[in-house]
Amino acid sequence: MMNPSKNEVKEMRYAVAYLNIVPLRAEASHRSEMVSQLLFGEYMKVFETKDEWSYIQLEHDSYKGWVQSIQLHLVDEKEYLAFQNSTKVKALSDFSTILVDGDKVTILKGTNLPFYANGFFMFRDKKISYSAEVISQKQSRQKLIETAKSYLNTPYLWGGKTLAGIDCSGFSQMVYHINGYTIKRDASLQAQQGSLVAFLTQAQEGDLAFFENEEAKITHVGIILADEKIIHAAQGKVRIDKLDQEGIYNEELKKYTHHLRMVKSYF
């Protein structure tokens, strides 16, 4: 068996993101599709390095992809496991700024604050002050809906997870993540979780509605609101549209844009 070259290493390592937004790509190339994003403070396993790229799996949802190695900070297994078993505290403010080793880092809504306690969190073995609002415990449906509405008019961005740009499943995942619930990254994976709601009339605010394409594949997800409405990322932004048994009706376009497949509850 040939030994791997110095440009291709396959061994289990661990890392944490130290920049506020890092693209996660399908392949080890800048030209490859951005399938998701890493936010500051996200821990991960590093399975493989190839040239300037690392193939990683995120701790919180097991999502995999390629990221530039230089955008990661390596940690040991002890720290990774400690974070995995810790209480997860997330930033609730839209934007805030911290100093890490003298460098300014913008903290976005939903960012992990590792090992947070009493206004401080730990990063690179340093205690960092964070005075903005945080959230840690599971929240109510009402709180989840408030979080969802705070993303209104956020631009649509394939693979996005932030107020600077977000896609449909990134939107549902982040809203749930902020409120203490862990769901998968893609709509098709989220649809495999939770409990099936038999009829749309039995759905409650905060439940997720899933939609299928012509090949019966789940390709879209949104968060159910009261009064037969849904909030979702589509047609260029996070928006509120009408929802019925057939699907999502866009009044601006005067047509149905998504065909309803199922509703799931995670509460």
Protein backbone atom coordinates (compact mmCIF):
# COMPACT_ATOMS: atom_id res chain seq x y z
CA MET A 1 0.00 0.00 0.00
CA MET A 2 1.33 3.42 -0.95
CA ASN A 3 1.82 5.99 1.77
CA PRO A 4 -0.22 9.20 1.35
CA SER A 5 1.75 12.18 0.12
CA LYS A 6 2.22 15.26 2.25
CA ASN A 7 -0.58 16.88 0.22
CA GLU A 8 -3.06 14.10 0.99
CA VAL A 9 -3.43 13.03 4.62
CA LYS A 10 -6.16 10.66 5.85
CA GLU A 11 -6.41 10.58 9.63
CA MET A 12 -8.97 11.63 12.19
CA ARG A 13 -8.38 15.12 13.52
CA TYR A 14 -10.59 17.81 15.04
CA ALA A 15 -11.07 21.50 14.39
CA VAL A 16 -13.16 24.58 15.10
CA ALA A 17 -14.08 27.44 12.76
CA TYR A 18 -12.50 30.76 13.78
CA LEU A 19 -13.99 33.01 11.06
CA ASN A 20 -17.58 34.24 11.11
CA ILE A 21 -18.66 32.59 7.80
CA VAL A 22 -16.76 29.82 6.02
CA PRO A 23 -18.03 28.18 2.80
CA LEU A 24 -18.53 24.41 2.91
CA ARG A 25 -18.18 22.96 -0.59
CA ALA A 26 -19.19 19.72 -2.32
CA GLU A 27 -15.69 19.22 -3.73
CA ALA A 28 -12.18 20.43 -2.93
CA SER A 29 -12.33 23.44 -5.23
CA HIS A 30 -13.29 27.12 -5.05
CA ARG A 31 -15.42 26.51 -8.13
CA SER A 32 -17.40 23.77 -6.44
CA GLU A 33 -20.97 24.24 -5.21
CA MET A 34 -21.34 25.77 -1.74
CA VAL A 35 -23.54 23.24 0.05
CA SER A 36 -23.54 24.98 3.43
CA GLN A 37 -21.56 27.32 5.68
CA LEU A 38 -19.63 27.07 8.93
CA LEU A 39 -20.10 29.75 11.55
CA PHE A 40 -17.57 30.81 14.17
CA GLY A 41 -17.29 28.30 17.00
CA GLU A 42 -18.53 25.26 15.04
CA TYR A 43 -16.62 22.12 15.93
CA MET A 44 -15.96 19.32 13.47
CA LYS A 45 -14.12 16.12 12.69
CA VAL A 46 -11.45 16.33 9.98
CA PHE A 47 -11.32 13.07 8.02
CA GLU A 48 -8.91 13.98 5.26
CA THR A 49 -6.72 16.77 3.93
CA LYS A 50 -5.95 17.19 0.26
CA ASP A 51 -3.68 20.01 -0.86
CA GLU A 52 -5.23 23.15 0.72
CA TRP A 53 -8.56 21.47 1.56
CA SER A 54 -10.00 19.46 4.46
CA TYR A 55 -12.92 17.03 4.30
CA ILE A 56 -14.93 17.57 7.49
CA GLN A 57 -18.06 16.49 9.35
CA LEU A 58 -19.82 19.01 11.57
CA GLU A 59 -20.41 18.09 15.20
CA HIS A 60 -23.98 19.36 15.52
CA ASP A 61 -25.65 17.85 12.43
CA SER A 62 -23.08 15.42 10.94
CA TYR A 63 -23.06 17.35 7.63
CA LYS A 64 -19.99 16.73 5.47
CA GLY A 65 -18.07 18.75 2.91
CA TRP A 66 -14.80 20.40 1.93
CA VAL A 67 -13.40 23.56 3.49
CA GLN A 68 -10.11 25.41 3.13
CA SER A 69 -7.76 24.07 5.81
CA ILE A 70 -6.40 27.56 6.51
CA GLN A 71 -9.90 28.60 7.68
CA LEU A 72 -9.88 26.06 10.51
CA HIS A 73 -8.17 25.95 13.90
CA LEU A 74 -7.11 22.44 14.92
CA VAL A 75 -8.04 21.23 18.41
CA ASP A 76 -7.43 17.99 20.27
CA GLU A 77 -9.99 15.22 20.79
CA LYS A 78 -10.42 16.15 24.45
CA GLU A 79 -11.64 19.65 23.57
CA TYR A 80 -13.91 18.33 20.81
CA LEU A 81 -15.55 15.82 23.17
CA ALA A 82 -15.85 18.45 25.91
CA PHE A 83 -17.70 20.75 23.52
CA GLN A 84 -19.86 17.88 22.28
CA ASN A 85 -21.01 17.19 25.85
CA SER A 86 -21.38 20.84 26.88
CA THR A 87 -24.49 23.00 27.04
CA LYS A 88 -24.79 24.72 23.66
CA VAL A 89 -25.09 28.49 23.94
CA LYS A 90 -25.87 30.55 20.82
CA ALA A 91 -25.70 34.26 20.05
CA LEU A 92 -29.17 35.76 19.67
CA SER A 93 -28.23 39.25 18.48
CA ASP A 94 -28.15 39.81 14.72
CA PHE A 95 -24.56 41.09 14.77
CA SER A 96 -21.99 41.72 17.49
CA THR A 97 -18.20 42.05 17.60
CA ILE A 98 -15.59 40.28 19.71
CA LEU A 99 -11.81 40.33 19.87
CA VAL A 100 -9.89 37.07 19.37
CA ASP A 101 -6.12 37.44 19.82
CA GLY A 102 -6.49 41.12 18.95
CA ASP A 103 -8.48 40.44 15.76
CA LYS A 104 -12.06 41.60 15.38
CA VAL A 105 -14.60 38.85 14.62
CA THR A 106 -18.24 39.53 13.79
CA ILE A 107 -20.54 37.17 15.64
CA LEU A 108 -23.77 36.40 13.78
CA LYS A 109 -27.16 35.23 15.03
CA GLY A 110 -26.98 31.51 15.84
CA THR A 111 -23.21 31.40 16.33
CA ASN A 112 -21.89 28.93 18.92
CA LEU A 113 -20.22 30.44 21.96
CA PRO A 114 -18.10 27.52 23.22
CA PHE A 115 -18.16 26.77 26.94
CA TYR A 116 -20.11 29.96 27.70
CA ALA A 117 -20.70 30.98 31.34
CA ASN A 118 -21.45 34.27 33.05
CA GLY A 119 -20.76 36.57 30.09
CA PHE A 120 -17.62 34.79 28.86
CA PHE A 121 -16.82 31.91 26.50
CA MET A 122 -13.63 29.99 25.84
CA PHE A 123 -11.78 29.98 22.52
CA ARG A 124 -8.15 29.06 21.83
CA ASP A 125 -7.69 28.57 25.58
CA LYS A 126 -8.65 32.20 26.17
CA LYS A 127 -11.59 33.65 28.06
CA ILE A 128 -13.51 36.00 25.76
CA SER A 129 -16.09 38.51 26.93
CA TYR A 130 -19.49 38.43 25.25
CA SER A 131 -22.11 40.84 26.59
CA ALA A 132 -24.82 40.55 23.91
CA GLU A 133 -27.94 38.40 24.29
CA VAL A 134 -27.56 34.61 24.25
CA ILE A 135 -29.89 31.61 24.24
CA SER A 136 -29.28 28.06 25.48
CA GLN A 137 -32.43 26.20 26.51
CA LYS A 138 -35.20 24.79 24.32
CA GLN A 139 -37.71 27.51 23.58
CA SER A 140 -41.46 27.60 22.98
CA ARG A 141 -43.22 27.57 19.60
CA GLN A 142 -43.91 31.28 20.05
CA LYS A 143 -40.22 32.05 20.53
CA LEU A 144 -39.34 29.95 17.50
CA ILE A 145 -41.82 31.90 15.36
CA GLU A 146 -40.34 35.20 16.61
CA THR A 147 -36.91 33.97 15.53
CA ALA A 148 -38.23 32.91 12.11
CA LYS A 149 -39.80 36.32 11.49
CA SER A 150 -36.52 38.04 12.39
CA TYR A 151 -35.15 36.60 9.11
CA LEU A 152 -37.84 38.20 6.93
CA ASN A 153 -36.42 39.67 3.69
CA THR A 154 -33.06 37.96 4.17
CA PRO A 155 -31.71 37.35 0.63
CA TYR A 156 -31.94 33.82 -0.74
CA LEU A 157 -28.50 32.19 -1.04
CA TRP A 158 -27.97 28.54 -1.96
CA GLY A 159 -26.03 26.96 0.91
CA GLY A 160 -26.45 30.06 3.10
CA LYS A 161 -27.16 30.00 6.85
CA THR A 162 -27.04 33.66 7.92
CA LEU A 163 -28.82 37.00 7.72
CA ALA A 164 -26.47 37.85 4.84
CA GLY A 165 -28.06 35.06 2.78
CA ILE A 166 -29.91 31.81 3.48
CA ASP A 167 -31.60 28.91 1.71
CA CYS A 168 -34.81 27.11 2.65
CA SER A 169 -33.33 24.30 4.74
CA GLY A 170 -30.62 26.53 6.17
CA PHE A 171 -33.41 28.82 7.34
CA SER A 172 -35.41 26.07 9.06
CA GLN A 173 -32.27 24.55 10.57
CA MET A 174 -30.96 27.83 11.98
CA VAL A 175 -34.33 28.84 13.44
CA TYR A 176 -34.56 25.49 15.20
CA HIS A 177 -30.87 25.53 16.18
CA ILE A 178 -31.16 28.93 17.83
CA ASN A 179 -34.16 27.70 19.83
CA GLY A 180 -32.45 24.56 21.12
CA TYR A 181 -33.54 21.92 18.58
CA THR A 182 -31.13 19.97 16.37
CA ILE A 183 -32.36 19.09 12.88
CA LYS A 184 -30.43 18.06 9.78
CA ARG A 185 -29.14 20.45 7.11
CA ASP A 186 -31.06 19.47 3.96
CA ALA A 187 -34.84 19.44 3.51
CA SER A 188 -34.86 15.77 2.47
CA LEU A 189 -32.97 14.86 5.66
CA GLN A 190 -35.14 17.05 7.90
CA ALA A 191 -38.20 15.25 6.49
CA GLN A 192 -36.86 11.98 7.92
CA GLN A 193 -36.95 13.42 11.45
CA GLY A 194 -39.81 14.43 13.72
CA SER A 195 -43.35 13.09 13.96
CA LEU A 196 -45.74 13.02 11.02
CA VAL A 197 -48.74 15.34 11.25
CA ALA A 198 -51.58 13.53 9.48
CA PHE A 199 -53.48 16.57 8.23
CA LEU A 200 -52.50 20.18 7.58
CA THR A 201 -55.45 21.28 9.70
CA GLN A 202 -53.79 19.57 12.70
CA ALA A 203 -50.48 21.40 12.23
CA GLN A 204 -49.35 24.02 14.71
CA GLU A 205 -47.17 27.09 14.37
CA GLY A 206 -43.54 26.06 14.20
CA ASP A 207 -44.13 22.71 12.50
CA LEU A 208 -42.25 22.16 9.24
CA ALA A 209 -44.00 21.69 5.89
CA PHE A 210 -42.14 19.81 3.14
CA PHE A 211 -42.68 20.12 -0.58
CA GLU A 212 -41.85 17.84 -3.53
CA ASN A 213 -40.89 18.32 -7.15
CA GLU A 214 -42.32 16.54 -10.19
CA GLU A 215 -40.15 13.49 -9.45
CA ALA A 216 -41.66 13.27 -5.92
CA LYS A 217 -38.35 14.29 -4.34
CA ILE A 218 -38.47 16.64 -1.35
CA THR A 219 -36.78 19.85 -2.42
CA HIS A 220 -38.25 22.57 -0.19
CA VAL A 221 -39.18 23.25 3.43
CA GLY A 222 -40.85 26.08 5.34
CA ILE A 223 -42.10 26.91 8.83
CA ILE A 224 -45.85 26.93 9.37
CA LEU A 225 -47.45 30.09 10.75
CA ALA A 226 -50.99 30.76 11.98
CA ASP A 227 -53.86 31.77 9.66
CA GLU A 228 -52.88 29.38 6.83
CA LYS A 229 -49.51 30.99 6.20
CA ILE A 230 -45.92 29.81 5.88
CA ILE A 231 -42.55 31.53 6.21
CA HIS A 232 -39.84 30.19 3.92
CA ALA A 233 -36.83 31.13 1.78
CA ALA A 234 -37.88 31.25 -1.88
CA GLN A 235 -38.30 33.63 -4.80
CA GLY A 236 -35.26 35.62 -3.77
CA LYS A 237 -35.80 36.10 -0.04
CA VAL A 238 -37.34 34.89 3.21
CA ARG A 239 -41.04 35.63 2.77
CA ILE A 240 -44.52 34.80 4.04
CA ASP A 241 -47.01 33.18 1.67
CA LYS A 242 -50.34 31.36 1.81
CA LEU A 243 -50.41 27.63 2.56
CA ASP A 244 -53.17 25.09 1.89
CA GLN A 245 -53.53 21.37 1.18
CA GLU A 246 -52.21 21.85 -2.35
CA GLY A 247 -49.12 23.81 -1.35
CA ILE A 248 -47.71 27.34 -1.27
CA TYR A 249 -49.62 30.02 -3.15
CA ASN A 250 -47.69 33.15 -4.12
CA GLU A 251 -50.09 36.04 -4.50
CA GLU A 252 -47.53 38.14 -6.37
CA LEU A 253 -47.09 35.45 -9.02
CA LYS A 254 -50.76 34.39 -8.85
CA LYS A 255 -49.85 30.70 -8.76
CA TYR A 256 -48.80 27.76 -6.62
CA THR A 257 -45.02 27.57 -6.39
CA HIS A 258 -44.54 24.43 -4.27
CA HIS A 259 -46.54 21.19 -3.93
CA LEU A 260 -47.16 20.02 -0.34
CA ARG A 261 -45.84 16.54 0.53
CA MET A 262 -45.98 16.32 4.33
CA VAL A 263 -45.89 18.13 7.67
CA LYS A 264 -43.61 17.15 10.54
CA SER A 265 -43.54 18.24 14.20
CA TYR A 266 -40.37 18.32 16.31
CA PHE A 267 -41.84 19.45 19.61
